[in-house]
Amino acid sequence: MILMKEPDPSRRRFLVRIVIAINALVAALVATPAVGYLLSPLLKRRSGQWVVIDQASATVGGPPRRVMYRYRDERGYDVQEMSRAAFVTQDNNELVVLSPVCTHMGCNVGFNDATNLFECPCHGGKYDTSGRVVDGPPPEPLRRFKTRLRDGNLEIYIT
């Protein structure tokens, strides 16, 4: 009768741990670039951009004008061409571009020629032509865009 020697349990434990460590290393090497690829758009810092909105010469004088502008919005993997509105007006002989979004609840304001005010149809907020609150619940004035004139065009900085 041949006697079989029983395997050494410490050696078996050592080999199992080596195999597990090698598998973990391979998994980490494969997963690291994949996770980086998937998360990189989310971690990328969004920066603003200058957008042409109007021919500056057509803006001088008169009541505030509603203008449309287009820009490219990139959020993660989602890239869209967006279209938004703004009001171009003058304040102390300076071109000002105001957001039409009411600072109270986010409704869009419109300009009323009869009262010479921006009015919010939702809760009755009113702003003067420079965007300051005149009446109603809005806590802040209308947002002003940073503007510049470049090559005869009025541009705004959006974030």
N, C-alpha and C. Protein backbone atom coordinates (compact mmCIF):
# COMPACT_ATOMS: atom_id res chain seq x y z
N MET A 1 0.82 -1.15 0.00
CA MET A 1 0.00 0.00 0.00
C MET A 1 0.88 1.24 0.00
N ILE A 2 0.50 2.16 -0.88
CA ILE A 2 1.28 3.39 -1.02
C ILE A 2 0.61 4.46 -0.18
N LEU A 3 1.38 5.09 0.62
CA LEU A 3 0.86 6.16 1.45
C LEU A 3 0.99 7.49 0.70
N MET A 4 -0.11 8.20 0.61
CA MET A 4 -0.11 9.51 -0.04
C MET A 4 0.15 10.57 1.02
N LYS A 5 1.02 11.43 0.69
CA LYS A 5 1.34 12.50 1.61
C LYS A 5 0.28 13.59 1.47
N GLU A 6 -0.25 14.04 2.56
CA GLU A 6 -1.27 15.08 2.57
C GLU A 6 -0.64 16.42 2.21
N PRO A 7 -1.28 17.23 1.32
CA PRO A 7 -0.68 18.49 0.93
C PRO A 7 -0.55 19.44 2.12
N ASP A 8 0.45 20.27 2.03
CA ASP A 8 0.73 21.23 3.09
C ASP A 8 -0.30 22.38 3.00
N PRO A 9 -1.12 22.59 4.05
CA PRO A 9 -2.16 23.62 3.97
C PRO A 9 -1.57 25.03 3.87
N SER A 10 -0.43 25.28 4.42
CA SER A 10 0.13 26.63 4.34
C SER A 10 0.60 26.93 2.91
N ARG A 11 1.08 25.91 2.21
CA ARG A 11 1.50 26.10 0.83
C ARG A 11 0.29 26.35 -0.07
N ARG A 12 -0.77 25.60 0.16
CA ARG A 12 -1.99 25.78 -0.62
C ARG A 12 -2.55 27.19 -0.40
N ARG A 13 -2.60 27.65 0.84
CA ARG A 13 -3.08 28.98 1.17
C ARG A 13 -2.24 30.05 0.46
N PHE A 14 -0.93 29.84 0.45
CA PHE A 14 -0.02 30.78 -0.20
C PHE A 14 -0.30 30.87 -1.70
N LEU A 15 -0.46 29.73 -2.35
CA LEU A 15 -0.72 29.71 -3.80
C LEU A 15 -2.07 30.34 -4.14
N VAL A 16 -3.08 30.09 -3.31
CA VAL A 16 -4.40 30.69 -3.55
C VAL A 16 -4.30 32.22 -3.43
N ARG A 17 -3.56 32.68 -2.45
CA ARG A 17 -3.39 34.13 -2.28
C ARG A 17 -2.63 34.75 -3.44
N ILE A 18 -1.63 34.05 -3.96
CA ILE A 18 -0.88 34.54 -5.13
C ILE A 18 -1.81 34.65 -6.34
N VAL A 19 -2.64 33.65 -6.57
CA VAL A 19 -3.57 33.67 -7.70
C VAL A 19 -4.58 34.81 -7.54
N ILE A 20 -5.09 35.01 -6.33
CA ILE A 20 -6.04 36.11 -6.09
C ILE A 20 -5.37 37.46 -6.32
N ALA A 21 -4.13 37.63 -5.86
CA ALA A 21 -3.41 38.88 -6.04
C ALA A 21 -3.16 39.17 -7.52
N ILE A 22 -2.79 38.16 -8.30
CA ILE A 22 -2.57 38.35 -9.74
C ILE A 22 -3.87 38.74 -10.43
N ASN A 23 -4.98 38.08 -10.07
CA ASN A 23 -6.29 38.42 -10.66
C ASN A 23 -6.69 39.85 -10.31
N ALA A 24 -6.44 40.26 -9.06
CA ALA A 24 -6.77 41.62 -8.65
C ALA A 24 -5.94 42.64 -9.41
N LEU A 25 -4.67 42.35 -9.63
CA LEU A 25 -3.79 43.24 -10.37
C LEU A 25 -4.26 43.40 -11.82
N VAL A 26 -4.61 42.29 -12.45
CA VAL A 26 -5.10 42.33 -13.83
C VAL A 26 -6.41 43.11 -13.90
N ALA A 27 -7.31 42.89 -12.95
CA ALA A 27 -8.59 43.62 -12.93
C ALA A 27 -8.35 45.12 -12.76
N ALA A 28 -7.42 45.50 -11.89
CA ALA A 28 -7.12 46.92 -11.68
C ALA A 28 -6.52 47.54 -12.94
N LEU A 29 -5.64 46.80 -13.62
CA LEU A 29 -5.03 47.32 -14.84
C LEU A 29 -6.06 47.52 -15.95
N VAL A 30 -7.05 46.67 -16.01
CA VAL A 30 -8.09 46.79 -17.03
C VAL A 30 -9.11 47.87 -16.63
N ALA A 31 -9.45 47.93 -15.36
CA ALA A 31 -10.52 48.83 -14.91
C ALA A 31 -10.09 50.30 -14.86
N THR A 32 -8.84 50.57 -14.55
CA THR A 32 -8.41 51.96 -14.38
C THR A 32 -8.63 52.82 -15.62
N PRO A 33 -8.18 52.41 -16.81
CA PRO A 33 -8.46 53.25 -17.99
C PRO A 33 -9.95 53.32 -18.32
N ALA A 34 -10.68 52.24 -18.09
CA ALA A 34 -12.12 52.25 -18.39
C ALA A 34 -12.85 53.23 -17.48
N VAL A 35 -12.54 53.23 -16.21
CA VAL A 35 -13.18 54.15 -15.27
C VAL A 35 -12.78 55.59 -15.60
N GLY A 36 -11.51 55.81 -15.93
CA GLY A 36 -11.06 57.15 -16.33
C GLY A 36 -11.78 57.64 -17.56
N TYR A 37 -11.98 56.77 -18.54
CA TYR A 37 -12.68 57.13 -19.76
C TYR A 37 -14.13 57.51 -19.47
N LEU A 38 -14.78 56.75 -18.60
CA LEU A 38 -16.19 57.01 -18.30
C LEU A 38 -16.39 58.26 -17.45
N LEU A 39 -15.47 58.56 -16.55
CA LEU A 39 -15.64 59.68 -15.64
C LEU A 39 -15.02 60.99 -16.13
N SER A 40 -14.16 60.94 -17.12
CA SER A 40 -13.46 62.16 -17.55
C SER A 40 -14.39 63.29 -17.97
N PRO A 41 -15.49 63.06 -18.70
CA PRO A 41 -16.36 64.19 -19.04
C PRO A 41 -17.03 64.80 -17.81
N LEU A 42 -17.29 64.00 -16.81
CA LEU A 42 -17.93 64.53 -15.61
C LEU A 42 -16.97 65.35 -14.78
N LEU A 43 -15.69 65.05 -14.85
CA LEU A 43 -14.70 65.75 -14.06
C LEU A 43 -14.10 66.95 -14.79
N LYS A 44 -14.40 67.06 -16.08
CA LYS A 44 -13.86 68.16 -16.88
C LYS A 44 -14.49 69.47 -16.44
N ARG A 45 -13.67 70.47 -16.23
CA ARG A 45 -14.14 71.78 -15.80
C ARG A 45 -14.82 72.46 -16.98
N ARG A 46 -16.05 72.91 -16.74
CA ARG A 46 -16.76 73.63 -17.78
C ARG A 46 -16.28 75.06 -17.81
N SER A 47 -16.02 75.54 -18.98
CA SER A 47 -15.60 76.93 -19.11
C SER A 47 -16.64 77.68 -19.93
N GLY A 48 -16.65 78.98 -19.77
CA GLY A 48 -17.60 79.78 -20.50
C GLY A 48 -17.14 80.02 -21.93
N GLN A 49 -18.01 80.68 -22.68
CA GLN A 49 -17.68 80.97 -24.07
C GLN A 49 -18.33 82.30 -24.47
N TRP A 50 -17.68 82.99 -25.40
CA TRP A 50 -18.23 84.22 -25.95
C TRP A 50 -19.13 83.85 -27.12
N VAL A 51 -20.33 84.45 -27.15
CA VAL A 51 -21.31 84.15 -28.19
C VAL A 51 -21.76 85.45 -28.83
N VAL A 52 -21.77 85.49 -30.15
CA VAL A 52 -22.26 86.66 -30.89
C VAL A 52 -23.78 86.67 -30.80
N ILE A 53 -24.34 87.82 -30.41
CA ILE A 53 -25.80 87.87 -30.34
C ILE A 53 -26.43 88.90 -31.25
N ASP A 54 -25.68 89.93 -31.67
CA ASP A 54 -26.35 91.01 -32.37
C ASP A 54 -25.36 91.87 -33.12
N GLN A 55 -25.87 92.55 -34.12
CA GLN A 55 -25.11 93.63 -34.75
C GLN A 55 -25.23 94.83 -33.83
N ALA A 56 -24.14 95.32 -33.31
CA ALA A 56 -24.17 96.38 -32.29
C ALA A 56 -24.78 97.68 -32.81
N SER A 57 -24.60 97.97 -34.08
CA SER A 57 -25.09 99.24 -34.62
C SER A 57 -26.61 99.31 -34.60
N ALA A 58 -27.28 98.19 -34.63
CA ALA A 58 -28.75 98.17 -34.66
C ALA A 58 -29.35 98.30 -33.27
N THR A 59 -28.53 98.40 -32.23
CA THR A 59 -29.03 98.37 -30.86
C THR A 59 -29.14 99.75 -30.23
N VAL A 60 -28.55 100.74 -30.80
CA VAL A 60 -28.47 102.06 -30.18
C VAL A 60 -29.85 102.71 -30.13
N GLY A 61 -30.25 103.18 -28.93
CA GLY A 61 -31.51 103.88 -28.73
C GLY A 61 -32.71 102.96 -28.73
N GLY A 62 -33.85 103.53 -28.33
CA GLY A 62 -35.10 102.80 -28.34
C GLY A 62 -35.28 101.90 -27.13
N PRO A 63 -36.43 101.22 -27.08
CA PRO A 63 -36.72 100.33 -25.95
C PRO A 63 -35.86 99.06 -26.02
N PRO A 64 -35.82 98.31 -24.94
CA PRO A 64 -35.07 97.04 -24.96
C PRO A 64 -35.59 96.13 -26.07
N ARG A 65 -34.65 95.46 -26.73
CA ARG A 65 -35.02 94.54 -27.81
C ARG A 65 -34.72 93.11 -27.39
N ARG A 66 -35.63 92.23 -27.72
CA ARG A 66 -35.42 90.81 -27.46
C ARG A 66 -34.65 90.22 -28.62
N VAL A 67 -33.52 89.56 -28.32
CA VAL A 67 -32.70 88.94 -29.36
C VAL A 67 -32.50 87.47 -29.01
N MET A 68 -32.27 86.68 -30.02
CA MET A 68 -32.00 85.25 -29.82
C MET A 68 -30.52 85.01 -30.08
N TYR A 69 -29.95 84.06 -29.34
CA TYR A 69 -28.56 83.66 -29.58
C TYR A 69 -28.47 82.15 -29.48
N ARG A 70 -27.48 81.61 -30.16
CA ARG A 70 -27.27 80.16 -30.18
C ARG A 70 -25.87 79.86 -29.65
N TYR A 71 -25.76 78.72 -28.98
CA TYR A 71 -24.46 78.29 -28.48
C TYR A 71 -24.45 76.78 -28.37
N ARG A 72 -23.26 76.24 -28.22
CA ARG A 72 -23.06 74.80 -28.12
C ARG A 72 -22.89 74.45 -26.64
N ASP A 73 -23.76 73.60 -26.12
CA ASP A 73 -23.74 73.21 -24.70
C ASP A 73 -23.20 71.79 -24.60
N GLU A 74 -22.09 71.65 -23.87
CA GLU A 74 -21.47 70.33 -23.67
C GLU A 74 -21.52 69.98 -22.20
N ARG A 75 -22.28 68.95 -21.88
CA ARG A 75 -22.37 68.45 -20.51
C ARG A 75 -22.10 66.96 -20.55
N GLY A 76 -20.89 66.60 -20.13
CA GLY A 76 -20.52 65.19 -20.20
C GLY A 76 -20.47 64.75 -21.64
N TYR A 77 -21.19 63.70 -21.96
CA TYR A 77 -21.24 63.19 -23.33
C TYR A 77 -22.35 63.83 -24.13
N ASP A 78 -23.20 64.61 -23.49
CA ASP A 78 -24.33 65.23 -24.15
C ASP A 78 -23.92 66.58 -24.74
N VAL A 79 -23.99 66.71 -26.05
CA VAL A 79 -23.65 67.95 -26.74
C VAL A 79 -24.89 68.39 -27.52
N GLN A 80 -25.34 69.63 -27.24
CA GLN A 80 -26.54 70.14 -27.89
C GLN A 80 -26.32 71.55 -28.39
N GLU A 81 -27.01 71.89 -29.47
CA GLU A 81 -27.06 73.27 -29.94
C GLU A 81 -28.26 73.90 -29.25
N MET A 82 -28.00 74.94 -28.45
CA MET A 82 -29.05 75.58 -27.66
C MET A 82 -29.40 76.94 -28.26
N SER A 83 -30.64 77.34 -28.08
CA SER A 83 -31.11 78.65 -28.51
C SER A 83 -31.76 79.33 -27.31
N ARG A 84 -31.34 80.54 -27.00
CA ARG A 84 -31.85 81.27 -25.84
C ARG A 84 -32.16 82.72 -26.24
N ALA A 85 -32.90 83.39 -25.38
CA ALA A 85 -33.25 84.79 -25.61
C ALA A 85 -32.53 85.68 -24.60
N ALA A 86 -32.41 86.94 -24.95
CA ALA A 86 -31.85 87.95 -24.06
C ALA A 86 -32.44 89.30 -24.47
N PHE A 87 -32.31 90.28 -23.59
CA PHE A 87 -32.76 91.63 -23.92
C PHE A 87 -31.55 92.54 -23.99
N VAL A 88 -31.47 93.30 -25.10
CA VAL A 88 -30.39 94.26 -25.28
C VAL A 88 -30.99 95.64 -25.02
N THR A 89 -30.36 96.38 -24.13
CA THR A 89 -30.84 97.71 -23.76
C THR A 89 -29.64 98.61 -23.48
N GLN A 90 -29.93 99.84 -23.09
CA GLN A 90 -28.85 100.76 -22.73
C GLN A 90 -29.05 101.23 -21.30
N ASP A 91 -27.95 101.38 -20.58
CA ASP A 91 -27.96 101.91 -19.22
C ASP A 91 -26.78 102.87 -19.11
N ASN A 92 -27.07 104.15 -18.94
CA ASN A 92 -26.02 105.19 -18.89
C ASN A 92 -25.13 105.15 -20.15
N ASN A 93 -25.76 105.10 -21.32
CA ASN A 93 -25.07 105.08 -22.62
C ASN A 93 -24.16 103.88 -22.78
N GLU A 94 -24.44 102.81 -22.09
CA GLU A 94 -23.66 101.57 -22.20
C GLU A 94 -24.60 100.44 -22.62
N LEU A 95 -24.16 99.64 -23.58
CA LEU A 95 -24.97 98.49 -23.99
C LEU A 95 -25.00 97.47 -22.86
N VAL A 96 -26.20 97.01 -22.54
CA VAL A 96 -26.39 96.03 -21.48
C VAL A 96 -27.22 94.89 -22.05
N VAL A 97 -26.85 93.67 -21.72
CA VAL A 97 -27.61 92.50 -22.12
C VAL A 97 -28.13 91.83 -20.86
N LEU A 98 -29.45 91.70 -20.77
CA LEU A 98 -30.11 91.15 -19.59
C LEU A 98 -30.71 89.78 -19.89
N SER A 99 -30.64 88.91 -18.92
CA SER A 99 -31.31 87.62 -19.02
C SER A 99 -32.81 87.83 -18.83
N PRO A 100 -33.64 87.10 -19.58
CA PRO A 100 -35.08 87.25 -19.42
C PRO A 100 -35.65 86.40 -18.28
N VAL A 101 -34.81 85.76 -17.51
CA VAL A 101 -35.26 84.84 -16.46
C VAL A 101 -35.48 85.61 -15.16
N CYS A 102 -36.70 85.58 -14.66
CA CYS A 102 -37.05 86.25 -13.41
C CYS A 102 -36.29 85.61 -12.26
N THR A 103 -35.75 86.43 -11.37
CA THR A 103 -34.95 85.92 -10.25
C THR A 103 -35.80 85.39 -9.11
N HIS A 104 -37.11 85.48 -9.23
CA HIS A 104 -37.99 84.96 -8.18
C HIS A 104 -38.20 83.46 -8.33
N MET A 105 -38.78 83.04 -9.46
CA MET A 105 -39.08 81.62 -9.65
C MET A 105 -38.65 81.09 -11.02
N GLY A 106 -37.93 81.89 -11.79
CA GLY A 106 -37.39 81.42 -13.05
C GLY A 106 -38.31 81.53 -14.25
N CYS A 107 -39.39 82.26 -14.15
CA CYS A 107 -40.27 82.47 -15.30
C CYS A 107 -39.58 83.45 -16.27
N ASN A 108 -40.02 83.48 -17.51
CA ASN A 108 -39.46 84.42 -18.48
C ASN A 108 -40.24 85.73 -18.44
N VAL A 109 -39.51 86.83 -18.32
CA VAL A 109 -40.14 88.14 -18.30
C VAL A 109 -40.30 88.65 -19.72
N GLY A 110 -41.19 89.58 -19.89
CA GLY A 110 -41.39 90.24 -21.17
C GLY A 110 -41.35 91.74 -20.95
N PHE A 111 -41.08 92.49 -22.02
CA PHE A 111 -41.02 93.94 -21.90
C PHE A 111 -42.37 94.53 -22.29
N ASN A 112 -42.93 95.38 -21.41
CA ASN A 112 -44.20 96.04 -21.65
C ASN A 112 -43.92 97.47 -22.08
N ASP A 113 -44.22 97.79 -23.34
CA ASP A 113 -43.95 99.14 -23.87
C ASP A 113 -44.78 100.20 -23.16
N ALA A 114 -46.00 99.85 -22.72
CA ALA A 114 -46.88 100.83 -22.09
C ALA A 114 -46.34 101.29 -20.74
N THR A 115 -45.80 100.38 -19.95
CA THR A 115 -45.27 100.74 -18.63
C THR A 115 -43.77 100.97 -18.64
N ASN A 116 -43.12 100.61 -19.74
CA ASN A 116 -41.66 100.72 -19.87
C ASN A 116 -40.94 99.89 -18.80
N LEU A 117 -41.51 98.70 -18.51
CA LEU A 117 -40.95 97.80 -17.50
C LEU A 117 -40.89 96.37 -18.03
N PHE A 118 -39.95 95.60 -17.51
CA PHE A 118 -39.97 94.16 -17.72
C PHE A 118 -40.94 93.59 -16.69
N GLU A 119 -41.87 92.74 -17.14
CA GLU A 119 -42.87 92.19 -16.23
C GLU A 119 -42.88 90.67 -16.28
N CYS A 120 -42.98 90.08 -15.09
CA CYS A 120 -43.06 88.62 -14.98
C CYS A 120 -44.53 88.22 -14.94
N PRO A 121 -44.98 87.36 -15.85
CA PRO A 121 -46.38 86.98 -15.87
C PRO A 121 -46.78 86.02 -14.75
N CYS A 122 -45.83 85.41 -14.10
CA CYS A 122 -46.15 84.38 -13.09
C CYS A 122 -46.57 84.98 -11.75
N HIS A 123 -45.75 85.88 -11.20
CA HIS A 123 -46.02 86.38 -9.85
C HIS A 123 -45.96 87.90 -9.75
N GLY A 124 -45.95 88.59 -10.88
CA GLY A 124 -46.07 90.03 -10.89
C GLY A 124 -44.79 90.81 -10.62
N GLY A 125 -43.64 90.18 -10.72
CA GLY A 125 -42.39 90.90 -10.54
C GLY A 125 -42.19 91.91 -11.65
N LYS A 126 -41.63 93.09 -11.31
CA LYS A 126 -41.39 94.13 -12.31
C LYS A 126 -39.97 94.65 -12.15
N TYR A 127 -39.35 94.90 -13.30
CA TYR A 127 -37.97 95.39 -13.36
C TYR A 127 -37.93 96.60 -14.27
N ASP A 128 -37.04 97.57 -13.97
CA ASP A 128 -36.89 98.70 -14.88
C ASP A 128 -36.00 98.30 -16.06
N THR A 129 -35.74 99.23 -16.97
CA THR A 129 -35.00 98.89 -18.20
C THR A 129 -33.54 98.54 -17.94
N SER A 130 -33.02 98.83 -16.75
CA SER A 130 -31.65 98.41 -16.44
C SER A 130 -31.63 97.11 -15.65
N GLY A 131 -32.82 96.52 -15.40
CA GLY A 131 -32.89 95.22 -14.74
C GLY A 131 -33.10 95.26 -13.25
N ARG A 132 -33.18 96.46 -12.65
CA ARG A 132 -33.38 96.56 -11.20
C ARG A 132 -34.83 96.27 -10.83
N VAL A 133 -35.04 95.66 -9.66
CA VAL A 133 -36.39 95.32 -9.19
C VAL A 133 -37.13 96.60 -8.84
N VAL A 134 -38.37 96.73 -9.39
CA VAL A 134 -39.22 97.87 -9.12
C VAL A 134 -40.37 97.46 -8.19
N ASP A 135 -40.92 96.27 -8.42
CA ASP A 135 -42.08 95.84 -7.65
C ASP A 135 -42.16 94.31 -7.67
N GLY A 136 -42.81 93.76 -6.65
CA GLY A 136 -43.07 92.34 -6.61
C GLY A 136 -42.06 91.56 -5.79
N PRO A 137 -42.13 90.24 -5.90
CA PRO A 137 -41.32 89.36 -5.03
C PRO A 137 -39.89 89.07 -5.46
N PRO A 138 -39.41 89.46 -6.65
CA PRO A 138 -38.04 89.07 -7.01
C PRO A 138 -37.01 89.57 -6.00
N PRO A 139 -36.11 88.70 -5.55
CA PRO A 139 -35.11 89.08 -4.56
C PRO A 139 -33.91 89.84 -5.14
N GLU A 140 -33.68 89.69 -6.44
CA GLU A 140 -32.49 90.27 -7.07
C GLU A 140 -32.85 90.86 -8.43
N PRO A 141 -31.99 91.74 -8.95
CA PRO A 141 -32.22 92.26 -10.31
C PRO A 141 -32.01 91.17 -11.36
N LEU A 142 -32.45 91.47 -12.58
CA LEU A 142 -32.19 90.55 -13.69
C LEU A 142 -30.69 90.39 -13.88
N ARG A 143 -30.28 89.19 -14.25
CA ARG A 143 -28.85 88.91 -14.45
C ARG A 143 -28.34 89.65 -15.67
N ARG A 144 -27.20 90.29 -15.51
CA ARG A 144 -26.53 90.97 -16.62
C ARG A 144 -25.43 90.07 -17.15
N PHE A 145 -25.40 89.96 -18.46
CA PHE A 145 -24.33 89.21 -19.09
C PHE A 145 -23.10 90.11 -19.23
N LYS A 146 -21.94 89.52 -19.13
CA LYS A 146 -20.70 90.22 -19.44
C LYS A 146 -20.67 90.41 -20.96
N THR A 147 -20.40 91.62 -21.41
CA THR A 147 -20.48 91.91 -22.85
C THR A 147 -19.17 92.48 -23.37
N ARG A 148 -19.03 92.40 -24.69
CA ARG A 148 -17.92 93.06 -25.38
C ARG A 148 -18.32 93.29 -26.83
N LEU A 149 -17.71 94.29 -27.43
CA LEU A 149 -17.89 94.55 -28.86
C LEU A 149 -16.67 94.01 -29.58
N ARG A 150 -16.90 93.21 -30.61
CA ARG A 150 -15.79 92.62 -31.35
C ARG A 150 -16.17 92.53 -32.82
N ASP A 151 -15.38 93.17 -33.66
CA ASP A 151 -15.61 93.18 -35.11
C ASP A 151 -17.03 93.66 -35.46
N GLY A 152 -17.53 94.65 -34.74
CA GLY A 152 -18.84 95.19 -35.01
C GLY A 152 -19.99 94.36 -34.48
N ASN A 153 -19.71 93.30 -33.75
CA ASN A 153 -20.75 92.44 -33.18
C ASN A 153 -20.76 92.56 -31.66
N LEU A 154 -21.94 92.47 -31.11
CA LEU A 154 -22.09 92.42 -29.66
C LEU A 154 -22.01 90.96 -29.23
N GLU A 155 -21.12 90.68 -28.27
CA GLU A 155 -20.94 89.31 -27.77
C GLU A 155 -21.22 89.29 -26.28
N ILE A 156 -21.74 88.14 -25.83
CA ILE A 156 -21.95 87.94 -24.39
C ILE A 156 -21.17 86.71 -23.95
N TYR A 157 -20.83 86.71 -22.67
CA TYR A 157 -20.09 85.59 -22.10
C TYR A 157 -21.07 84.73 -21.32
N ILE A 158 -21.22 83.47 -21.76
CA ILE A 158 -22.13 82.56 -21.07
C ILE A 158 -21.32 81.43 -20.43
N THR A 159 -21.83 80.95 -19.31
CA THR A 159 -21.15 79.85 -18.60
C THR A 159 -21.99 78.62 -18.62
